[in-house]
Amino acid sequence: MNTGRLTLLAVFFLYLLLALSAHLPSHARISSLQTEEEVAIYFDDGAEKAAHDVLEAYPAVREELSALLGQKVDFRPEVRLVKGGEAFRTMAGSGRVAAFAVPGRDLIVLDISQAYESPFSLKPTLSHELCHLLLHHTAGERDLPRWFDEGVCQWASGGSAEVAAGDAGSALAKAAAGGTLIPLRQLETFPREEHSFLLAYGESRSVVEYIAGEFGSGSIGEILAHLRAGSSLEDAFRKALSLSPAELEEKWQESLTRRYTWFSYLSSYLTPLLFLLAALVTVCGFIRMLQRKRAYRDEEEEEAEGPE
């Protein structure tokens, strides 16, 4: 890593620490739980339980992630627990983010006010962020495209993301059916616009799941092994899959087109549409019944009055 990048990371890390501590009262005390080789956890008063939960969960998370990706976690991450706040949202870049990683510092910042609530949970969120750090160590000085980084981490953590990504699956289905998928070359970074942001998450997870499904779960580890050995992402794909990223993207999009036709997309809404139709039929039937009763009552009144 060059000196300029190191300087940038150092400045970012300093700003991060200042920002996260700025909202704390002057008497707040930062405590820590540390193991010699595994993890260091820093937390404020009142977050002791969460810190112990992280300490307890970390060994299993580390071993499961290492086994799945075929990459040893040979670094000691720091986990900073915070309770949300404006500083956290500013650094994370979104109000929906429950955690984020700073790979250059092996740092995970986790908002414990969200980590225990749906759609997040502590263990998958921790796994997701540790995966980001592991991929950084695997790639070395090379920057991985965001779609691959995010897709692998979602896949490895069982679909968990560090953000409440909303209905990314629905966004993916609609885009696949309508031919409006975002090309992967445009997902070196993720867009900020809401729909495109959800679609980017959906595509990232989908393409990595496609790789694992078509070539076996071990294929992800093979790609990472080639990256660690010094290959570019393009070469790593060719060696592990016998396909370039562009060729893989074409096959992945074809699979989505077959899966998500407009008929299948609309059929996902069939049940609510049937309920709506049934409700409309019921309402129409009720109105017709009222009209008939009224007409019958009018006829009775006319017969009772008789001819003049």
C-alpha atoms as a PDB file:
ATOM      1  CA  MET A   1       0.000   0.000   0.000  1.00  0.00           C
ATOM      2  CA  ASN A   2       1.476   3.375  -0.958  1.00  0.00           C
ATOM      3  CA  THR A   3       2.281   6.185   1.491  1.00  0.00           C
ATOM      4  CA  GLY A   4      -0.533   8.425   0.238  1.00  0.00           C
ATOM      5  CA  ARG A   5      -3.132   5.733   0.852  1.00  0.00           C
ATOM      6  CA  LEU A   6      -1.714   5.039   4.320  1.00  0.00           C
ATOM      7  CA  THR A   7      -1.918   8.743   5.146  1.00  0.00           C
ATOM      8  CA  LEU A   8      -5.516   8.904   3.918  1.00  0.00           C
ATOM      9  CA  LEU A   9      -6.474   5.902   6.041  1.00  0.00           C
ATOM     10  CA  ALA A  10      -4.744   7.385   9.086  1.00  0.00           C
ATOM     11  CA  VAL A  11      -6.642  10.658   8.690  1.00  0.00           C
ATOM     12  CA  PHE A  12      -9.908   8.775   8.186  1.00  0.00           C
ATOM     13  CA  PHE A  13      -9.305   6.656  11.281  1.00  0.00           C
ATOM     14  CA  LEU A  14      -8.495   9.708  13.390  1.00  0.00           C
ATOM     15  CA  TYR A  15     -11.651  11.442  12.186  1.00  0.00           C
ATOM     16  CA  LEU A  16     -13.611   8.271  12.891  1.00  0.00           C
ATOM     17  CA  LEU A  17     -12.466   8.131  16.501  1.00  0.00           C
ATOM     18  CA  LEU A  18     -13.138  11.827  17.032  1.00  0.00           C
ATOM     19  CA  ALA A  19     -16.576  11.619  15.414  1.00  0.00           C
ATOM     20  CA  LEU A  20     -17.694   8.567  17.330  1.00  0.00           C
ATOM     21  CA  SER A  21     -16.568  10.018  20.643  1.00  0.00           C
ATOM     22  CA  ALA A  22     -17.837  13.559  20.055  1.00  0.00           C
ATOM     23  CA  HIS A  23     -21.401  12.776  21.125  1.00  0.00           C
ATOM     24  CA  LEU A  24     -20.340  11.054  24.356  1.00  0.00           C
ATOM     25  CA  PRO A  25     -20.708  12.897  27.678  1.00  0.00           C
ATOM     26  CA  SER A  26     -17.445  14.037  29.222  1.00  0.00           C
ATOM     27  CA  HIS A  27     -17.658  11.440  31.990  1.00  0.00           C
ATOM     28  CA  ALA A  28     -18.123   8.509  29.602  1.00  0.00           C
ATOM     29  CA  ARG A  29     -15.560   5.727  29.989  1.00  0.00           C
ATOM     30  CA  ILE A  30     -14.439   3.416  27.200  1.00  0.00           C
ATOM     31  CA  SER A  31     -13.761  -0.109  28.411  1.00  0.00           C
ATOM     32  CA  SER A  32     -12.361  -3.110  26.569  1.00  0.00           C
ATOM     33  CA  LEU A  33     -12.461  -6.885  26.415  1.00  0.00           C
ATOM     34  CA  GLN A  34      -9.488  -8.421  24.675  1.00  0.00           C
ATOM     35  CA  THR A  35      -8.041 -11.799  23.861  1.00  0.00           C
ATOM     36  CA  GLU A  36      -4.374 -12.132  23.036  1.00  0.00           C
ATOM     37  CA  GLU A  37      -4.768 -13.399  19.470  1.00  0.00           C
ATOM     38  CA  GLU A  38      -8.465 -13.212  18.554  1.00  0.00           C
ATOM     39  CA  VAL A  39     -10.246  -9.891  19.016  1.00  0.00           C
ATOM     40  CA  ALA A  40     -10.312  -6.596  20.889  1.00  0.00           C
ATOM     41  CA  ILE A  41     -13.676  -5.066  21.780  1.00  0.00           C
ATOM     42  CA  TYR A  42     -14.090  -1.455  22.888  1.00  0.00           C
ATOM     43  CA  PHE A  43     -17.335  -0.203  24.372  1.00  0.00           C
ATOM     44  CA  ASP A  44     -18.908   2.550  26.450  1.00  0.00           C
ATOM     45  CA  ASP A  45     -20.671   2.342  29.788  1.00  0.00           C
ATOM     46  CA  GLY A  46     -23.893   0.370  29.500  1.00  0.00           C
ATOM     47  CA  ALA A  47     -22.711  -1.810  26.620  1.00  0.00           C
ATOM     48  CA  GLU A  48     -21.096  -4.527  28.717  1.00  0.00           C
ATOM     49  CA  LYS A  49     -23.616  -7.218  27.753  1.00  0.00           C
ATOM     50  CA  ALA A  50     -23.203  -6.558  24.044  1.00  0.00           C
ATOM     51  CA  ALA A  51     -19.422  -6.664  24.429  1.00  0.00           C
ATOM     52  CA  HIS A  52     -19.597 -10.053  26.123  1.00  0.00           C
ATOM     53  CA  ASP A  53     -21.998 -11.262  23.396  1.00  0.00           C
ATOM     54  CA  VAL A  54     -19.489 -10.267  20.708  1.00  0.00           C
ATOM     55  CA  LEU A  55     -16.633 -11.899  22.620  1.00  0.00           C
ATOM     56  CA  GLU A  56     -18.632 -15.109  22.937  1.00  0.00           C
ATOM     57  CA  ALA A  57     -19.790 -15.161  19.299  1.00  0.00           C
ATOM     58  CA  TYR A  58     -16.488 -14.214  17.658  1.00  0.00           C
ATOM     59  CA  PRO A  59     -14.587 -17.554  17.775  1.00  0.00           C
ATOM     60  CA  ALA A  60     -17.405 -19.457  16.038  1.00  0.00           C
ATOM     61  CA  VAL A  61     -17.927 -16.649  13.505  1.00  0.00           C
ATOM     62  CA  ARG A  62     -14.214 -16.625  12.686  1.00  0.00           C
ATOM     63  CA  GLU A  63     -13.968 -20.396  12.271  1.00  0.00           C
ATOM     64  CA  GLU A  64     -17.143 -20.681  10.168  1.00  0.00           C
ATOM     65  CA  LEU A  65     -16.043 -17.862   7.885  1.00  0.00           C
ATOM     66  CA  SER A  66     -12.533 -19.286   7.485  1.00  0.00           C
ATOM     67  CA  ALA A  67     -13.908 -22.730   6.638  1.00  0.00           C
ATOM     68  CA  LEU A  68     -16.444 -21.400   4.138  1.00  0.00           C
ATOM     69  CA  LEU A  69     -14.048 -19.121   2.260  1.00  0.00           C
ATOM     70  CA  GLY A  70     -10.927 -21.247   2.642  1.00  0.00           C
ATOM     71  CA  GLN A  71      -9.071 -18.232   4.026  1.00  0.00           C
ATOM     72  CA  LYS A  72      -7.590 -18.041   7.507  1.00  0.00           C
ATOM     73  CA  VAL A  73      -8.415 -14.998   9.613  1.00  0.00           C
ATOM     74  CA  ASP A  74      -4.797 -14.312  10.537  1.00  0.00           C
ATOM     75  CA  PHE A  75      -5.342 -10.826  11.934  1.00  0.00           C
ATOM     76  CA  ARG A  76      -6.784  -9.472  15.173  1.00  0.00           C
ATOM     77  CA  PRO A  77      -9.751  -7.182  14.482  1.00  0.00           C
ATOM     78  CA  GLU A  78     -10.944  -4.393  16.748  1.00  0.00           C
ATOM     79  CA  VAL A  79     -14.689  -4.090  17.315  1.00  0.00           C
ATOM     80  CA  ARG A  80     -15.994  -0.693  18.444  1.00  0.00           C
ATOM     81  CA  LEU A  81     -19.496  -0.810  19.904  1.00  0.00           C
ATOM     82  CA  VAL A  82     -21.548   2.385  19.747  1.00  0.00           C
ATOM     83  CA  LYS A  83     -25.158   3.319  20.353  1.00  0.00           C
ATOM     84  CA  GLY A  84     -26.065   4.905  17.060  1.00  0.00           C
ATOM     85  CA  GLY A  85     -26.176   8.661  17.048  1.00  0.00           C
ATOM     86  CA  GLU A  86     -25.588  11.259  14.375  1.00  0.00           C
ATOM     87  CA  ALA A  87     -21.823  10.679  14.312  1.00  0.00           C
ATOM     88  CA  PHE A  88     -22.313   7.012  13.457  1.00  0.00           C
ATOM     89  CA  ARG A  89     -24.872   7.782  10.743  1.00  0.00           C
ATOM     90  CA  THR A  90     -22.544  10.390   9.228  1.00  0.00           C
ATOM     91  CA  MET A  91     -19.575   8.027   9.115  1.00  0.00           C
ATOM     92  CA  ALA A  92     -21.709   5.140   7.810  1.00  0.00           C
ATOM     93  CA  GLY A  93     -23.262   7.332   5.123  1.00  0.00           C
ATOM     94  CA  SER A  94     -26.800   6.090   5.819  1.00  0.00           C
ATOM     95  CA  GLY A  95     -29.356   6.001   8.601  1.00  0.00           C
ATOM     96  CA  ARG A  96     -30.115   2.370   7.775  1.00  0.00           C
ATOM     97  CA  VAL A  97     -26.620   1.038   8.455  1.00  0.00           C
ATOM     98  CA  ALA A  98     -26.109  -1.216  11.494  1.00  0.00           C
ATOM     99  CA  ALA A  99     -22.355  -1.692  11.092  1.00  0.00           C
ATOM    100  CA  PHE A 100     -19.442  -0.930   8.829  1.00  0.00           C
ATOM    101  CA  ALA A 101     -15.853  -2.053   8.449  1.00  0.00           C
ATOM    102  CA  VAL A 102     -12.664  -0.038   8.005  1.00  0.00           C
ATOM    103  CA  PRO A 103     -10.421  -2.601   6.300  1.00  0.00           C
ATOM    104  CA  GLY A 104      -7.203  -0.577   6.465  1.00  0.00           C
ATOM    105  CA  ARG A 105      -7.454  -0.598  10.270  1.00  0.00           C
ATOM    106  CA  ASP A 106      -9.027  -4.052  10.779  1.00  0.00           C
ATOM    107  CA  LEU A 107     -11.836  -2.183  12.499  1.00  0.00           C
ATOM    108  CA  ILE A 108     -15.523  -3.033  12.799  1.00  0.00           C
ATOM    109  CA  VAL A 109     -17.906  -0.361  14.086  1.00  0.00           C
ATOM    110  CA  LEU A 110     -21.191  -1.836  15.242  1.00  0.00           C
ATOM    111  CA  ASP A 111     -24.336   0.014  16.314  1.00  0.00           C
ATOM    112  CA  ILE A 112     -25.710  -2.063  19.189  1.00  0.00           C
ATOM    113  CA  SER A 113     -28.996  -0.141  19.106  1.00  0.00           C
ATOM    114  CA  GLN A 114     -29.766  -1.916  15.805  1.00  0.00           C
ATOM    115  CA  ALA A 115     -27.721  -5.105  15.952  1.00  0.00           C
ATOM    116  CA  TYR A 116     -30.295  -6.934  18.066  1.00  0.00           C
ATOM    117  CA  GLU A 117     -33.335  -5.870  16.057  1.00  0.00           C
ATOM    118  CA  SER A 118     -34.824  -7.155  12.788  1.00  0.00           C
ATOM    119  CA  PRO A 119     -33.601  -7.305  10.057  1.00  0.00           C
ATOM    120  CA  PHE A 120     -30.218  -7.451  11.802  1.00  0.00           C
ATOM    121  CA  SER A 121     -28.858  -9.907  14.322  1.00  0.00           C
ATOM    122  CA  LEU A 122     -25.530  -9.788  16.059  1.00  0.00           C
ATOM    123  CA  LYS A 123     -23.819 -12.928  14.788  1.00  0.00           C
ATOM    124  CA  PRO A 124     -24.594 -12.552  11.037  1.00  0.00           C
ATOM    125  CA  THR A 125     -23.757  -8.841  11.187  1.00  0.00           C
ATOM    126  CA  LEU A 126     -20.423  -9.594  12.860  1.00  0.00           C
ATOM    127  CA  SER A 127     -19.748 -12.295  10.257  1.00  0.00           C
ATOM    128  CA  HIS A 128     -20.586  -9.898   7.428  1.00  0.00           C
ATOM    129  CA  GLU A 129     -18.179  -7.217   8.638  1.00  0.00           C
ATOM    130  CA  LEU A 130     -15.401  -9.680   9.419  1.00  0.00           C
ATOM    131  CA  CYS A 131     -15.809 -10.964   5.858  1.00  0.00           C
ATOM    132  CA  HIS A 132     -15.101  -7.456   4.525  1.00  0.00           C
ATOM    133  CA  LEU A 133     -11.854  -7.358   6.525  1.00  0.00           C
ATOM    134  CA  LEU A 134     -10.881 -10.842   5.365  1.00  0.00           C
ATOM    135  CA  LEU A 135     -11.457  -9.951   1.707  1.00  0.00           C
ATOM    136  CA  HIS A 136      -9.256  -6.893   2.153  1.00  0.00           C
ATOM    137  CA  HIS A 137      -6.440  -9.076   3.473  1.00  0.00           C
ATOM    138  CA  THR A 138      -7.011 -11.540   0.640  1.00  0.00           C
ATOM    139  CA  ALA A 139      -6.848  -8.878  -2.092  1.00  0.00           C
ATOM    140  CA  GLY A 140      -3.904  -7.044  -0.577  1.00  0.00           C
ATOM    141  CA  GLU A 141      -3.333  -3.661  -2.184  1.00  0.00           C
ATOM    142  CA  ARG A 142      -5.894  -4.258  -4.933  1.00  0.00           C
ATOM    143  CA  ASP A 143      -9.373  -2.788  -4.580  1.00  0.00           C
ATOM    144  CA  LEU A 144     -12.145  -5.288  -5.192  1.00  0.00           C
ATOM    145  CA  PRO A 145     -15.269  -4.081  -7.017  1.00  0.00           C
ATOM    146  CA  ARG A 146     -18.069  -3.389  -4.576  1.00  0.00           C
ATOM    147  CA  TRP A 147     -20.423  -5.937  -6.164  1.00  0.00           C
ATOM    148  CA  PHE A 148     -17.953  -8.773  -5.543  1.00  0.00           C
ATOM    149  CA  ASP A 149     -16.985  -7.616  -2.052  1.00  0.00           C
ATOM    150  CA  GLU A 150     -20.595  -7.091  -0.978  1.00  0.00           C
ATOM    151  CA  GLY A 151     -21.903 -10.179  -2.761  1.00  0.00           C
ATOM    152  CA  VAL A 152     -19.396 -12.524  -1.120  1.00  0.00           C
ATOM    153  CA  CYS A 153     -20.081 -11.032   2.316  1.00  0.00           C
ATOM    154  CA  GLN A 154     -23.862 -11.372   1.915  1.00  0.00           C
ATOM    155  CA  TRP A 155     -23.447 -14.958   0.742  1.00  0.00           C
ATOM    156  CA  ALA A 156     -20.997 -15.842   3.507  1.00  0.00           C
ATOM    157  CA  SER A 157     -23.187 -14.391   6.249  1.00  0.00           C
ATOM    158  CA  GLY A 158     -26.327 -16.137   5.067  1.00  0.00           C
ATOM    159  CA  GLY A 159     -27.788 -13.168   3.234  1.00  0.00           C
ATOM    160  CA  SER A 160     -27.136 -10.645   5.979  1.00  0.00           C
ATOM    161  CA  ALA A 161     -26.093  -7.165   4.970  1.00  0.00           C
ATOM    162  CA  GLU A 162     -24.790  -4.334   7.102  1.00  0.00           C
ATOM    163  CA  VAL A 163     -27.799  -2.273   6.023  1.00  0.00           C
ATOM    164  CA  ALA A 164     -31.528  -2.756   6.105  1.00  0.00           C
ATOM    165  CA  ALA A 165     -31.573  -3.281   2.360  1.00  0.00           C
ATOM    166  CA  GLY A 166     -35.335  -3.447   2.077  1.00  0.00           C
ATOM    167  CA  ASP A 167     -36.863  -5.582  -0.643  1.00  0.00           C
ATOM    168  CA  ALA A 168     -33.741  -6.015  -2.761  1.00  0.00           C
ATOM    169  CA  GLY A 169     -35.122  -9.290  -4.122  1.00  0.00           C
ATOM    170  CA  SER A 170     -38.182  -7.577  -5.542  1.00  0.00           C
ATOM    171  CA  ALA A 171     -36.010  -4.872  -7.117  1.00  0.00           C
ATOM    172  CA  LEU A 172     -33.879  -7.597  -8.707  1.00  0.00           C
ATOM    173  CA  ALA A 173     -36.893  -9.499 -10.059  1.00  0.00           C
ATOM    174  CA  LYS A 174     -38.415  -6.373 -11.578  1.00  0.00           C
ATOM    175  CA  ALA A 175     -35.134  -5.309 -13.179  1.00  0.00           C
ATOM    176  CA  ALA A 176     -34.468  -8.790 -14.576  1.00  0.00           C
ATOM    177  CA  ALA A 177     -37.982  -9.007 -16.024  1.00  0.00           C
ATOM    178  CA  GLY A 178     -37.746  -5.532 -17.531  1.00  0.00           C
ATOM    179  CA  GLY A 179     -34.160  -5.788 -18.781  1.00  0.00           C
ATOM    180  CA  THR A 180     -32.950  -2.939 -16.557  1.00  0.00           C
ATOM    181  CA  LEU A 181     -30.221  -4.683 -14.537  1.00  0.00           C
ATOM    182  CA  ILE A 182     -27.254  -2.500 -13.662  1.00  0.00           C
ATOM    183  CA  PRO A 183     -24.113  -3.748 -15.481  1.00  0.00           C
ATOM    184  CA  LEU A 184     -21.570  -5.062 -12.982  1.00  0.00           C
ATOM    185  CA  ARG A 185     -18.889  -2.742 -14.389  1.00  0.00           C
ATOM    186  CA  GLN A 186     -20.992   0.134 -13.019  1.00  0.00           C
ATOM    187  CA  LEU A 187     -21.013  -1.389  -9.541  1.00  0.00           C
ATOM    188  CA  GLU A 188     -17.399  -0.692  -8.649  1.00  0.00           C
ATOM    189  CA  THR A 189     -19.159   1.495  -6.084  1.00  0.00           C
ATOM    190  CA  PHE A 190     -22.856   1.532  -5.175  1.00  0.00           C
ATOM    191  CA  PRO A 191     -25.325   4.245  -6.212  1.00  0.00           C
ATOM    192  CA  ARG A 192     -27.030   6.320  -3.527  1.00  0.00           C
ATOM    193  CA  GLU A 193     -30.483   6.575  -5.120  1.00  0.00           C
ATOM    194  CA  GLU A 194     -32.872   4.320  -3.175  1.00  0.00           C
ATOM    195  CA  HIS A 195     -34.057   1.964  -5.910  1.00  0.00           C
ATOM    196  CA  SER A 196     -30.631   1.616  -7.541  1.00  0.00           C
ATOM    197  CA  PHE A 197     -29.072   1.059  -4.120  1.00  0.00           C
ATOM    198  CA  LEU A 198     -31.459  -1.827  -3.370  1.00  0.00           C
ATOM    199  CA  LEU A 199     -30.911  -3.257  -6.842  1.00  0.00           C
ATOM    200  CA  ALA A 200     -27.136  -3.117  -6.387  1.00  0.00           C
ATOM    201  CA  TYR A 201     -27.403  -5.172  -3.196  1.00  0.00           C
ATOM    202  CA  GLY A 202     -29.758  -7.626  -4.857  1.00  0.00           C
ATOM    203  CA  GLU A 203     -27.508  -8.080  -7.881  1.00  0.00           C
ATOM    204  CA  SER A 204     -24.372  -8.510  -5.767  1.00  0.00           C
ATOM    205  CA  ARG A 205     -25.869 -11.284  -3.714  1.00  0.00           C
ATOM    206  CA  SER A 206     -27.495 -12.919  -6.740  1.00  0.00           C
ATOM    207  CA  VAL A 207     -24.356 -13.160  -8.877  1.00  0.00           C
ATOM    208  CA  VAL A 208     -22.285 -14.707  -6.051  1.00  0.00           C
ATOM    209  CA  GLU A 209     -25.102 -17.159  -5.290  1.00  0.00           C
ATOM    210  CA  TYR A 210     -25.120 -18.016  -8.997  1.00  0.00           C
ATOM    211  CA  ILE A 211     -21.389 -18.778  -8.883  1.00  0.00           C
ATOM    212  CA  ALA A 212     -21.805 -20.988  -5.814  1.00  0.00           C
ATOM    213  CA  GLY A 213     -24.819 -22.733  -7.349  1.00  0.00           C
ATOM    214  CA  GLU A 214     -23.317 -23.368 -10.783  1.00  0.00           C
ATOM    215  CA  PHE A 215     -19.725 -24.125  -9.829  1.00  0.00           C
ATOM    216  CA  GLY A 216     -20.066 -25.293  -6.218  1.00  0.00           C
ATOM    217  CA  SER A 217     -19.610 -23.381  -2.964  1.00  0.00           C
ATOM    218  CA  GLY A 218     -15.893 -24.141  -3.073  1.00  0.00           C
ATOM    219  CA  SER A 219     -15.542 -22.024  -6.211  1.00  0.00           C
ATOM    220  CA  ILE A 220     -15.726 -18.826  -4.143  1.00  0.00           C
ATOM    221  CA  GLY A 221     -12.799 -20.044  -2.078  1.00  0.00           C
ATOM    222  CA  GLU A 222     -10.890 -20.901  -5.278  1.00  0.00           C
ATOM    223  CA  ILE A 223     -11.349 -17.348  -6.570  1.00  0.00           C
ATOM    224  CA  LEU A 224     -10.108 -15.955  -3.257  1.00  0.00           C
ATOM    225  CA  ALA A 225      -7.130 -18.320  -3.221  1.00  0.00           C
ATOM    226  CA  HIS A 226      -6.052 -17.036  -6.646  1.00  0.00           C
ATOM    227  CA  LEU A 227      -6.504 -13.454  -5.450  1.00  0.00           C
ATOM    228  CA  ARG A 228      -4.308 -14.109  -2.411  1.00  0.00           C
ATOM    229  CA  ALA A 229      -1.701 -15.641  -4.719  1.00  0.00           C
ATOM    230  CA  GLY A 230      -1.539 -12.351  -6.610  1.00  0.00           C
ATOM    231  CA  SER A 231      -3.958 -12.839  -9.512  1.00  0.00           C
ATOM    232  CA  SER A 232      -6.243 -10.041 -10.663  1.00  0.00           C
ATOM    233  CA  LEU A 233      -9.969 -10.600 -10.280  1.00  0.00           C
ATOM    234  CA  GLU A 234     -10.210 -11.230 -14.030  1.00  0.00           C
ATOM    235  CA  ASP A 235      -7.491 -13.907 -13.892  1.00  0.00           C
ATOM    236  CA  ALA A 236      -8.892 -15.395 -10.685  1.00  0.00           C
ATOM    237  CA  PHE A 237     -12.264 -15.883 -12.396  1.00  0.00           C
ATOM    238  CA  ARG A 238     -10.654 -17.475 -15.444  1.00  0.00           C
ATOM    239  CA  LYS A 239      -8.594 -19.866 -13.334  1.00  0.00           C
ATOM    240  CA  ALA A 240     -11.421 -20.855 -10.975  1.00  0.00           C
ATOM    241  CA  LEU A 241     -14.407 -20.782 -13.341  1.00  0.00           C
ATOM    242  CA  SER A 242     -12.862 -20.883 -16.832  1.00  0.00           C
ATOM    243  CA  LEU A 243     -14.856 -17.711 -17.485  1.00  0.00           C
ATOM    244  CA  SER A 244     -14.069 -14.011 -17.446  1.00  0.00           C
ATOM    245  CA  PRO A 245     -16.223 -11.764 -15.222  1.00  0.00           C
ATOM    246  CA  ALA A 246     -17.931 -10.477 -18.384  1.00  0.00           C
ATOM    247  CA  GLU A 247     -18.719 -14.001 -19.597  1.00  0.00           C
ATOM    248  CA  LEU A 248     -19.982 -14.942 -16.156  1.00  0.00           C
ATOM    249  CA  GLU A 249     -22.207 -11.852 -16.090  1.00  0.00           C
ATOM    250  CA  GLU A 250     -23.760 -12.821 -19.416  1.00  0.00           C
ATOM    251  CA  LYS A 251     -24.609 -16.322 -18.189  1.00  0.00           C
ATOM    252  CA  TRP A 252     -25.915 -14.974 -14.872  1.00  0.00           C
ATOM    253  CA  GLN A 253     -28.184 -12.466 -16.625  1.00  0.00           C
ATOM    254  CA  GLU A 254     -29.510 -15.197 -18.918  1.00  0.00           C
ATOM    255  CA  SER A 255     -30.404 -17.293 -15.862  1.00  0.00           C
ATOM    256  CA  LEU A 256     -32.234 -14.335 -14.332  1.00  0.00           C
ATOM    257  CA  THR A 257     -34.147 -13.660 -17.548  1.00  0.00           C
ATOM    258  CA  ARG A 258     -35.363 -17.266 -17.614  1.00  0.00           C
ATOM    259  CA  ARG A 259     -36.291 -17.109 -13.944  1.00  0.00           C
ATOM    260  CA  TYR A 260     -37.898 -13.681 -13.812  1.00  0.00           C
ATOM    261  CA  THR A 261     -40.195 -13.241 -16.788  1.00  0.00           C
ATOM    262  CA  TRP A 262     -42.923 -10.615 -16.437  1.00  0.00           C
ATOM    263  CA  PHE A 263     -45.380 -13.443 -15.874  1.00  0.00           C
ATOM    264  CA  SER A 264     -43.377 -14.913 -12.988  1.00  0.00           C
ATOM    265  CA  TYR A 265     -42.787 -11.441 -11.535  1.00  0.00           C
ATOM    266  CA  LEU A 266     -46.479 -10.602 -11.632  1.00  0.00           C
ATOM    267  CA  SER A 267     -47.399 -14.068 -10.367  1.00  0.00           C
ATOM    268  CA  SER A 268     -45.556 -13.274  -7.148  1.00  0.00           C
ATOM    269  CA  TYR A 269     -48.376 -10.794  -6.533  1.00  0.00           C
ATOM    270  CA  LEU A 270     -51.096 -13.290  -7.522  1.00  0.00           C
ATOM    271  CA  THR A 271     -52.251 -14.081  -3.986  1.00  0.00           C
ATOM    272  CA  PRO A 272     -52.803 -10.454  -2.922  1.00  0.00           C
ATOM    273  CA  LEU A 273     -54.459  -9.750  -6.284  1.00  0.00           C
ATOM    274  CA  LEU A 274     -56.849 -12.663  -5.764  1.00  0.00           C
ATOM    275  CA  PHE A 275     -57.686 -11.409  -2.286  1.00  0.00           C
ATOM    276  CA  LEU A 276     -58.331  -7.941  -3.719  1.00  0.00           C
ATOM    277  CA  LEU A 277     -60.523  -9.387  -6.475  1.00  0.00           C
ATOM    278  CA  ALA A 278     -62.468 -11.459  -3.955  1.00  0.00           C
ATOM    279  CA  ALA A 279     -62.972  -8.375  -1.810  1.00  0.00           C
ATOM    280  CA  LEU A 280     -64.247  -6.396  -4.811  1.00  0.00           C
ATOM    281  CA  VAL A 281     -66.643  -9.219  -5.763  1.00  0.00           C
ATOM    282  CA  THR A 282     -67.927  -9.307  -2.190  1.00  0.00           C
ATOM    283  CA  VAL A 283     -68.474  -5.540  -2.140  1.00  0.00           C
ATOM    284  CA  CYS A 284     -70.233  -5.639  -5.534  1.00  0.00           C
ATOM    285  CA  GLY A 285     -72.439  -8.506  -4.352  1.00  0.00           C
ATOM    286  CA  PHE A 286     -73.329  -6.613  -1.194  1.00  0.00           C
ATOM    287  CA  ILE A 287     -74.255  -3.500  -3.187  1.00  0.00           C
ATOM    288  CA  ARG A 288     -76.442  -5.553  -5.567  1.00  0.00           C
ATOM    289  CA  MET A 289     -78.168  -7.172  -2.596  1.00  0.00           C
ATOM    290  CA  LEU A 290     -78.940  -3.730  -1.127  1.00  0.00           C
ATOM    291  CA  GLN A 291     -80.262  -2.553  -4.490  1.00  0.00           C
ATOM    292  CA  ARG A 292     -82.542  -5.598  -4.783  1.00  0.00           C
ATOM    293  CA  LYS A 293     -83.846  -5.165  -1.244  1.00  0.00           C
ATOM    294  CA  ARG A 294     -84.576  -1.540  -1.944  1.00  0.00           C
ATOM    295  CA  ALA A 295     -86.341  -2.361  -5.217  1.00  0.00           C
ATOM    296  CA  TYR A 296     -88.390  -5.083  -3.460  1.00  0.00           C
ATOM    297  CA  ARG A 297     -89.340  -2.653  -0.698  1.00  0.00           C
ATOM    298  CA  ASP A 298     -90.404  -0.048  -3.248  1.00  0.00           C
ATOM    299  CA  GLU A 299     -92.592  -2.627  -4.994  1.00  0.00           C
ATOM    300  CA  GLU A 300     -94.271  -3.568  -1.714  1.00  0.00           C
ATOM    301  CA  GLU A 301     -94.960   0.072  -0.934  1.00  0.00           C
ATOM    302  CA  GLU A 302     -96.501   0.594  -4.385  1.00  0.00           C
ATOM    303  CA  GLU A 303     -98.717  -2.471  -4.000  1.00  0.00           C
ATOM    304  CA  ALA A 304     -99.831  -1.331  -0.543  1.00  0.00           C
ATOM    305  CA  GLU A 305    -100.842   2.081  -1.835  1.00  0.00           C
ATOM    306  CA  GLY A 306    -102.885   0.459  -4.638  1.00  0.00           C
ATOM    307  CA  PRO A 307    -104.296   2.242  -7.684  1.00  0.00           C
ATOM    308  CA  GLU A 308    -105.526   5.788  -7.132  1.00  0.00           C
END
